[in-house]
């Protein structure tokens, strides 16, 4: 995880085309997590994106987020 802080808030859903301003960006493949930081990831399929968003919702709700050995949520 490479913490590139977003300079503006972004609300996004799986499948959205998202444009946002970064302080620094060297790789076009970013996934926004629930804390407002950015992780540089390889492209993910719909299932992984949906799992990531579900985990972010649980995290914001104060519920535990479990990550298994495959990195899925």
PDB file of N, CA and C in Angstrom:
ATOM      1  N   UNK A   1       0.858  -1.185   0.000  1.00  0.00           N
ATOM      2  CA  UNK A   1       0.000   0.000   0.000  1.00  0.00           C
ATOM      3  C   UNK A   1       0.887   1.225   0.000  1.00  0.00           C
ATOM      4  N   UNK A   2       0.640   2.085  -0.950  1.00  0.00           N
ATOM      5  CA  UNK A   2       1.407   3.316  -1.067  1.00  0.00           C
ATOM      6  C   UNK A   2       0.480   4.479  -0.733  1.00  0.00           C
ATOM      7  N   UNK A   3       0.686   5.165   0.392  1.00  0.00           N
ATOM      8  CA  UNK A   3      -0.294   6.166   0.831  1.00  0.00           C
ATOM      9  C   UNK A   3      -0.175   7.501   0.090  1.00  0.00           C
ATOM     10  N   UNK A   4      -0.890   7.603  -1.000  1.00  0.00           N
ATOM     11  CA  UNK A   4      -0.977   8.877  -1.707  1.00  0.00           C
ATOM     12  C   UNK A   4      -2.278   9.531  -1.276  1.00  0.00           C
ATOM     13  N   UNK A   5      -2.170  10.666  -0.635  1.00  0.00           N
ATOM     14  CA  UNK A   5      -3.370  11.265  -0.064  1.00  0.00           C
ATOM     15  C   UNK A   5      -4.169  12.008  -1.123  1.00  0.00           C
ATOM     16  N   UNK A   6      -5.483  11.788  -1.122  1.00  0.00           N
ATOM     17  CA  UNK A   6      -6.349  12.486  -2.063  1.00  0.00           C
ATOM     18  C   UNK A   6      -6.491  13.945  -1.659  1.00  0.00           C
ATOM     19  N   UNK A   7      -6.431  14.841  -2.630  1.00  0.00           N
ATOM     20  CA  UNK A   7      -6.589  16.258  -2.326  1.00  0.00           C
ATOM     21  C   UNK A   7      -8.047  16.674  -2.338  1.00  0.00           C
ATOM     22  N   UNK A   8      -8.919  15.758  -2.714  1.00  0.00           N
ATOM     23  CA  UNK A   8     -10.353  16.048  -2.649  1.00  0.00           C
ATOM     24  C   UNK A   8     -11.092  14.750  -2.373  1.00  0.00           C
ATOM     25  N   UNK A   9     -12.264  14.882  -1.788  1.00  0.00           N
ATOM     26  CA  UNK A   9     -13.056  13.700  -1.461  1.00  0.00           C
ATOM     27  C   UNK A   9     -13.654  13.104  -2.730  1.00  0.00           C
ATOM     28  N   UNK A  10     -13.741  11.804  -2.767  1.00  0.00           N
ATOM     29  CA  UNK A  10     -14.317  11.109  -3.912  1.00  0.00           C
ATOM     30  C   UNK A  10     -15.330  10.093  -3.405  1.00  0.00           C
ATOM     31  N   UNK A  11     -16.518  10.106  -3.978  1.00  0.00           N
ATOM     32  CA  UNK A  11     -17.499   9.063  -3.703  1.00  0.00           C
ATOM     33  C   UNK A  11     -17.627   8.226  -4.966  1.00  0.00           C
ATOM     34  N   UNK A  12     -17.417   6.933  -4.847  1.00  0.00           N
ATOM     35  CA  UNK A  12     -17.429   6.085  -6.029  1.00  0.00           C
ATOM     36  C   UNK A  12     -18.085   4.759  -5.714  1.00  0.00           C
ATOM     37  N   UNK A  13     -18.666   4.160  -6.718  1.00  0.00           N
ATOM     38  CA  UNK A  13     -19.241   2.831  -6.617  1.00  0.00           C
ATOM     39  C   UNK A  13     -18.518   1.918  -7.596  1.00  0.00           C
ATOM     40  N   UNK A  14     -18.579   0.595  -7.371  1.00  0.00           N
ATOM     41  CA  UNK A  14     -17.935  -0.327  -8.301  1.00  0.00           C
ATOM     42  C   UNK A  14     -18.386  -0.058  -9.732  1.00  0.00           C
ATOM     43  N   UNK A  15     -17.424   0.006 -10.641  1.00  0.00           N
ATOM     44  CA  UNK A  15     -17.743   0.215 -12.046  1.00  0.00           C
ATOM     45  C   UNK A  15     -17.743   1.665 -12.480  1.00  0.00           C
ATOM     46  N   UNK A  16     -17.689   2.597 -11.511  1.00  0.00           N
ATOM     47  CA  UNK A  16     -17.664   4.015 -11.862  1.00  0.00           C
ATOM     48  C   UNK A  16     -16.330   4.389 -12.513  1.00  0.00           C
ATOM     49  N   UNK A  17     -16.393   5.324 -13.440  1.00  0.00           N
ATOM     50  CA  UNK A  17     -15.177   5.970 -13.915  1.00  0.00           C
ATOM     51  C   UNK A  17     -14.898   7.120 -12.958  1.00  0.00           C
ATOM     52  N   UNK A  18     -13.743   7.106 -12.336  1.00  0.00           N
ATOM     53  CA  UNK A  18     -13.442   8.080 -11.295  1.00  0.00           C
ATOM     54  C   UNK A  18     -12.280   8.958 -11.728  1.00  0.00           C
ATOM     55  N   UNK A  19     -12.462  10.262 -11.599  1.00  0.00           N
ATOM     56  CA  UNK A  19     -11.380  11.209 -11.837  1.00  0.00           C
ATOM     57  C   UNK A  19     -11.149  11.974 -10.546  1.00  0.00           C
ATOM     58  N   UNK A  20      -9.898  12.031 -10.111  1.00  0.00           N
ATOM     59  CA  UNK A  20      -9.603  12.750  -8.888  1.00  0.00           C
ATOM     60  C   UNK A  20      -8.207  13.348  -8.981  1.00  0.00           C
ATOM     61  N   UNK A  21      -7.941  14.306  -8.145  1.00  0.00           N
ATOM     62  CA  UNK A  21      -6.667  15.010  -8.152  1.00  0.00           C
ATOM     63  C   UNK A  21      -5.753  14.413  -7.092  1.00  0.00           C
ATOM     64  N   UNK A  22      -4.548  14.060  -7.501  1.00  0.00           N
ATOM     65  CA  UNK A  22      -3.575  13.499  -6.575  1.00  0.00           C
ATOM     66  C   UNK A  22      -2.475  14.522  -6.322  1.00  0.00           C
ATOM     67  N   UNK A  23      -1.871  14.438  -5.127  1.00  0.00           N
ATOM     68  CA  UNK A  23      -0.663  15.218  -4.904  1.00  0.00           C
ATOM     69  C   UNK A  23       0.459  14.693  -5.788  1.00  0.00           C
ATOM     70  N   UNK A  24       0.477  13.395  -5.978  1.00  0.00           N
ATOM     71  CA  UNK A  24       1.503  12.765  -6.794  1.00  0.00           C
ATOM     72  C   UNK A  24       0.916  11.476  -7.349  1.00  0.00           C
ATOM     73  N   UNK A  25       1.139  11.220  -8.615  1.00  0.00           N
ATOM     74  CA  UNK A  25       0.588  10.007  -9.216  1.00  0.00           C
ATOM     75  C   UNK A  25       1.547   9.498 -10.285  1.00  0.00           C
ATOM     76  N   UNK A  26       2.024   8.290 -10.117  1.00  0.00           N
ATOM     77  CA  UNK A  26       2.965   7.712 -11.066  1.00  0.00           C
ATOM     78  C   UNK A  26       2.414   6.483 -11.776  1.00  0.00           C
ATOM     79  N   UNK A  27       1.255   6.025 -11.347  1.00  0.00           N
ATOM     80  CA  UNK A  27       0.680   4.809 -11.909  1.00  0.00           C
ATOM     81  C   UNK A  27      -0.815   5.044 -12.046  1.00  0.00           C
ATOM     82  N   UNK A  28      -1.415   4.775 -13.206  1.00  0.00           N
ATOM     83  CA  UNK A  28      -2.826   5.092 -13.397  1.00  0.00           C
ATOM     84  C   UNK A  28      -3.793   4.133 -12.690  1.00  0.00           C
ATOM     85  N   UNK A  29      -3.287   3.050 -12.116  1.00  0.00           N
ATOM     86  CA  UNK A  29      -4.176   2.055 -11.525  1.00  0.00           C
ATOM     87  C   UNK A  29      -4.283   2.268 -10.020  1.00  0.00           C
ATOM     88  N   UNK A  30      -5.366   2.887  -9.610  1.00  0.00           N
ATOM     89  CA  UNK A  30      -5.582   3.165  -8.197  1.00  0.00           C
ATOM     90  C   UNK A  30      -6.926   2.614  -7.753  1.00  0.00           C
ATOM     91  N   UNK A  31      -7.007   2.213  -6.510  1.00  0.00           N
ATOM     92  CA  UNK A  31      -8.283   1.847  -5.908  1.00  0.00           C
ATOM     93  C   UNK A  31      -8.419   2.661  -4.638  1.00  0.00           C
ATOM     94  N   UNK A  32      -9.544   3.335  -4.477  1.00  0.00           N
ATOM     95  CA  UNK A  32      -9.766   4.173  -3.312  1.00  0.00           C
ATOM     96  C   UNK A  32     -10.328   3.291  -2.194  1.00  0.00           C
ATOM     97  N   UNK A  33      -9.700   3.350  -1.014  1.00  0.00           N
ATOM     98  CA  UNK A  33     -10.248   2.575   0.093  1.00  0.00           C
ATOM     99  C   UNK A  33     -11.077   3.462   1.005  1.00  0.00           C
ATOM    100  N   UNK A  34     -11.682   2.869   2.016  1.00  0.00           N
ATOM    101  CA  UNK A  34     -12.653   3.573   2.837  1.00  0.00           C
ATOM    102  C   UNK A  34     -12.075   4.688   3.685  1.00  0.00           C
ATOM    103  N   UNK A  35     -10.750   4.698   3.883  1.00  0.00           N
ATOM    104  CA  UNK A  35     -10.158   5.707   4.750  1.00  0.00           C
ATOM    105  C   UNK A  35      -9.790   6.978   3.994  1.00  0.00           C
ATOM    106  N   UNK A  36     -10.004   6.996   2.689  1.00  0.00           N
ATOM    107  CA  UNK A  36      -9.662   8.171   1.903  1.00  0.00           C
ATOM    108  C   UNK A  36      -8.232   8.164   1.413  1.00  0.00           C
ATOM    109  N   UNK A  37      -7.512   7.061   1.640  1.00  0.00           N
ATOM    110  CA  UNK A  37      -6.172   6.904   1.082  1.00  0.00           C
ATOM    111  C   UNK A  37      -6.276   6.045  -0.170  1.00  0.00           C
ATOM    112  N   UNK A  38      -5.203   5.944  -0.892  1.00  0.00           N
ATOM    113  CA  UNK A  38      -5.214   5.245  -2.162  1.00  0.00           C
ATOM    114  C   UNK A  38      -4.211   4.100  -2.126  1.00  0.00           C
ATOM    115  N   UNK A  39      -4.644   2.944  -2.579  1.00  0.00           N
ATOM    116  CA  UNK A  39      -3.747   1.816  -2.749  1.00  0.00           C
ATOM    117  C   UNK A  39      -3.494   1.618  -4.230  1.00  0.00           C
ATOM    118  N   UNK A  40      -2.245   1.372  -4.600  1.00  0.00           N
ATOM    119  CA  UNK A  40      -1.926   1.050  -5.989  1.00  0.00           C
ATOM    120  C   UNK A  40      -2.079  -0.455  -6.143  1.00  0.00           C
ATOM    121  N   UNK A  41      -2.992  -0.848  -7.000  1.00  0.00           N
ATOM    122  CA  UNK A  41      -3.314  -2.259  -7.156  1.00  0.00           C
ATOM    123  C   UNK A  41      -3.252  -2.661  -8.619  1.00  0.00           C
ATOM    124  N   UNK A  42      -3.167  -3.942  -8.854  1.00  0.00           N
ATOM    125  CA  UNK A  42      -3.352  -4.443 -10.202  1.00  0.00           C
ATOM    126  C   UNK A  42      -4.843  -4.394 -10.520  1.00  0.00           C
ATOM    127  N   UNK A  43      -5.212  -4.413 -11.791  1.00  0.00           N
ATOM    128  CA  UNK A  43      -6.638  -4.363 -12.138  1.00  0.00           C
ATOM    129  C   UNK A  43      -7.395  -5.510 -11.474  1.00  0.00           C
ATOM    130  N   UNK A  44      -8.573  -5.206 -10.972  1.00  0.00           N
ATOM    131  CA  UNK A  44      -9.375  -6.208 -10.287  1.00  0.00           C
ATOM    132  C   UNK A  44     -10.663  -6.476 -11.057  1.00  0.00           C
ATOM    133  N   UNK A  45     -11.179  -7.681 -10.912  1.00  0.00           N
ATOM    134  CA  UNK A  45     -12.457  -8.021 -11.505  1.00  0.00           C
ATOM    135  C   UNK A  45     -13.604  -7.486 -10.667  1.00  0.00           C
ATOM    136  N   UNK A  46     -14.813  -7.617 -11.179  1.00  0.00           N
ATOM    137  CA  UNK A  46     -15.992  -7.086 -10.488  1.00  0.00           C
ATOM    138  C   UNK A  46     -16.149  -7.656  -9.083  1.00  0.00           C
ATOM    139  N   UNK A  47     -15.842  -8.958  -8.920  1.00  0.00           N
ATOM    140  CA  UNK A  47     -16.005  -9.593  -7.612  1.00  0.00           C
ATOM    141  C   UNK A  47     -15.072  -8.959  -6.582  1.00  0.00           C
ATOM    142  N   UNK A  48     -13.819  -8.734  -6.968  1.00  0.00           N
ATOM    143  CA  UNK A  48     -12.855  -8.145  -6.050  1.00  0.00           C
ATOM    144  C   UNK A  48     -13.217  -6.705  -5.722  1.00  0.00           C
ATOM    145  N   UNK A  49     -13.681  -5.958  -6.726  1.00  0.00           N
ATOM    146  CA  UNK A  49     -14.085  -4.566  -6.501  1.00  0.00           C
ATOM    147  C   UNK A  49     -15.267  -4.519  -5.537  1.00  0.00           C
ATOM    148  N   UNK A  50     -16.247  -5.389  -5.755  1.00  0.00           N
ATOM    149  CA  UNK A  50     -17.419  -5.434  -4.879  1.00  0.00           C
ATOM    150  C   UNK A  50     -17.003  -5.786  -3.452  1.00  0.00           C
ATOM    151  N   UNK A  51     -16.072  -6.716  -3.306  1.00  0.00           N
ATOM    152  CA  UNK A  51     -15.603  -7.112  -1.974  1.00  0.00           C
ATOM    153  C   UNK A  51     -14.879  -5.953  -1.292  1.00  0.00           C
ATOM    154  N   UNK A  52     -14.100  -5.216  -2.060  1.00  0.00           N
ATOM    155  CA  UNK A  52     -13.364  -4.075  -1.510  1.00  0.00           C
ATOM    156  C   UNK A  52     -14.331  -3.007  -0.999  1.00  0.00           C
ATOM    157  N   UNK A  53     -15.365  -2.728  -1.776  1.00  0.00           N
ATOM    158  CA  UNK A  53     -16.345  -1.723  -1.369  1.00  0.00           C
ATOM    159  C   UNK A  53     -17.145  -2.191  -0.155  1.00  0.00           C
ATOM    160  N   UNK A  54     -17.484  -3.479  -0.115  1.00  0.00           N
ATOM    161  CA  UNK A  54     -18.218  -4.018   1.034  1.00  0.00           C
ATOM    162  C   UNK A  54     -17.368  -3.897   2.294  1.00  0.00           C
ATOM    163  N   UNK A  55     -16.078  -4.184   2.174  1.00  0.00           N
ATOM    164  CA  UNK A  55     -15.183  -4.070   3.324  1.00  0.00           C
ATOM    165  C   UNK A  55     -15.071  -2.619   3.778  1.00  0.00           C
ATOM    166  N   UNK A  56     -15.033  -1.695   2.831  1.00  0.00           N
ATOM    167  CA  UNK A  56     -14.960  -0.275   3.187  1.00  0.00           C
ATOM    168  C   UNK A  56     -16.213   0.163   3.931  1.00  0.00           C
ATOM    169  N   UNK A  57     -17.375  -0.328   3.481  1.00  0.00           N
ATOM    170  CA  UNK A  57     -18.624   0.020   4.170  1.00  0.00           C
ATOM    171  C   UNK A  57     -18.616  -0.526   5.595  1.00  0.00           C
ATOM    172  N   UNK A  58     -18.138  -1.773   5.761  1.00  0.00           N
ATOM    173  CA  UNK A  58     -18.078  -2.358   7.106  1.00  0.00           C
ATOM    174  C   UNK A  58     -17.120  -1.574   7.993  1.00  0.00           C
ATOM    175  N   UNK A  59     -15.988  -1.171   7.409  1.00  0.00           N
ATOM    176  CA  UNK A  59     -15.001  -0.422   8.181  1.00  0.00           C
ATOM    177  C   UNK A  59     -15.583   0.912   8.648  1.00  0.00           C
ATOM    178  N   UNK A  60     -16.270   1.618   7.768  1.00  0.00           N
ATOM    179  CA  UNK A  60     -16.866   2.902   8.130  1.00  0.00           C
ATOM    180  C   UNK A  60     -17.954   2.724   9.190  1.00  0.00           C
ATOM    181  N   UNK A  61     -18.617   1.568   9.183  1.00  0.00           N
ATOM    182  CA  UNK A  61     -19.671   1.295  10.163  1.00  0.00           C
ATOM    183  C   UNK A  61     -19.102   0.801  11.491  1.00  0.00           C
ATOM    184  N   UNK A  62     -17.777   0.665  11.557  1.00  0.00           N
ATOM    185  CA  UNK A  62     -17.151   0.211  12.788  1.00  0.00           C
ATOM    186  C   UNK A  62     -17.176  -1.287  12.978  1.00  0.00           C
ATOM    187  N   UNK A  63     -17.512  -2.025  11.912  1.00  0.00           N
ATOM    188  CA  UNK A  63     -17.548  -3.481  12.005  1.00  0.00           C
ATOM    189  C   UNK A  63     -16.174  -4.054  11.649  1.00  0.00           C
ATOM    190  N   UNK A  64     -15.867  -5.256  12.135  1.00  0.00           N
ATOM    191  CA  UNK A  64     -14.567  -5.846  11.814  1.00  0.00           C
ATOM    192  C   UNK A  64     -14.459  -6.208  10.343  1.00  0.00           C
ATOM    193  N   UNK A  65     -13.273  -6.015   9.802  1.00  0.00           N
ATOM    194  CA  UNK A  65     -13.000  -6.378   8.417  1.00  0.00           C
ATOM    195  C   UNK A  65     -11.960  -7.489   8.436  1.00  0.00           C
ATOM    196  N   UNK A  66     -12.311  -8.622   7.846  1.00  0.00           N
ATOM    197  CA  UNK A  66     -11.414  -9.778   7.834  1.00  0.00           C
ATOM    198  C   UNK A  66     -10.878  -9.970   6.423  1.00  0.00           C
ATOM    199  N   UNK A  67      -9.570 -10.114   6.324  1.00  0.00           N
ATOM    200  CA  UNK A  67      -8.932 -10.378   5.039  1.00  0.00           C
ATOM    201  C   UNK A  67      -8.363 -11.783   5.098  1.00  0.00           C
ATOM    202  N   UNK A  68      -8.738 -12.620   4.118  1.00  0.00           N
ATOM    203  CA  UNK A  68      -8.233 -13.996   4.142  1.00  0.00           C
ATOM    204  C   UNK A  68      -6.885 -14.077   3.425  1.00  0.00           C
ATOM    205  N   UNK A  69      -6.349 -15.286   3.297  1.00  0.00           N
ATOM    206  CA  UNK A  69      -5.013 -15.473   2.730  1.00  0.00           C
ATOM    207  C   UNK A  69      -4.914 -15.036   1.274  1.00  0.00           C
ATOM    208  N   UNK A  70      -6.042 -15.017   0.566  1.00  0.00           N
ATOM    209  CA  UNK A  70      -6.022 -14.620  -0.840  1.00  0.00           C
ATOM    210  C   UNK A  70      -6.111 -13.112  -1.010  1.00  0.00           C
ATOM    211  N   UNK A  71      -6.306 -12.405   0.091  1.00  0.00           N
ATOM    212  CA  UNK A  71      -6.453 -10.960  -0.001  1.00  0.00           C
ATOM    213  C   UNK A  71      -7.878 -10.514  -0.261  1.00  0.00           C
ATOM    214  N   UNK A  72      -8.813 -11.484  -0.312  1.00  0.00           N
ATOM    215  CA  UNK A  72     -10.219 -11.131  -0.495  1.00  0.00           C
ATOM    216  C   UNK A  72     -10.789 -10.692   0.847  1.00  0.00           C
ATOM    217  N   UNK A  73     -11.932 -10.064   0.799  1.00  0.00           N
ATOM    218  CA  UNK A  73     -12.568  -9.578   2.021  1.00  0.00           C
ATOM    219  C   UNK A  73     -13.761 -10.457   2.366  1.00  0.00           C
TER     220      UNK A  73
END
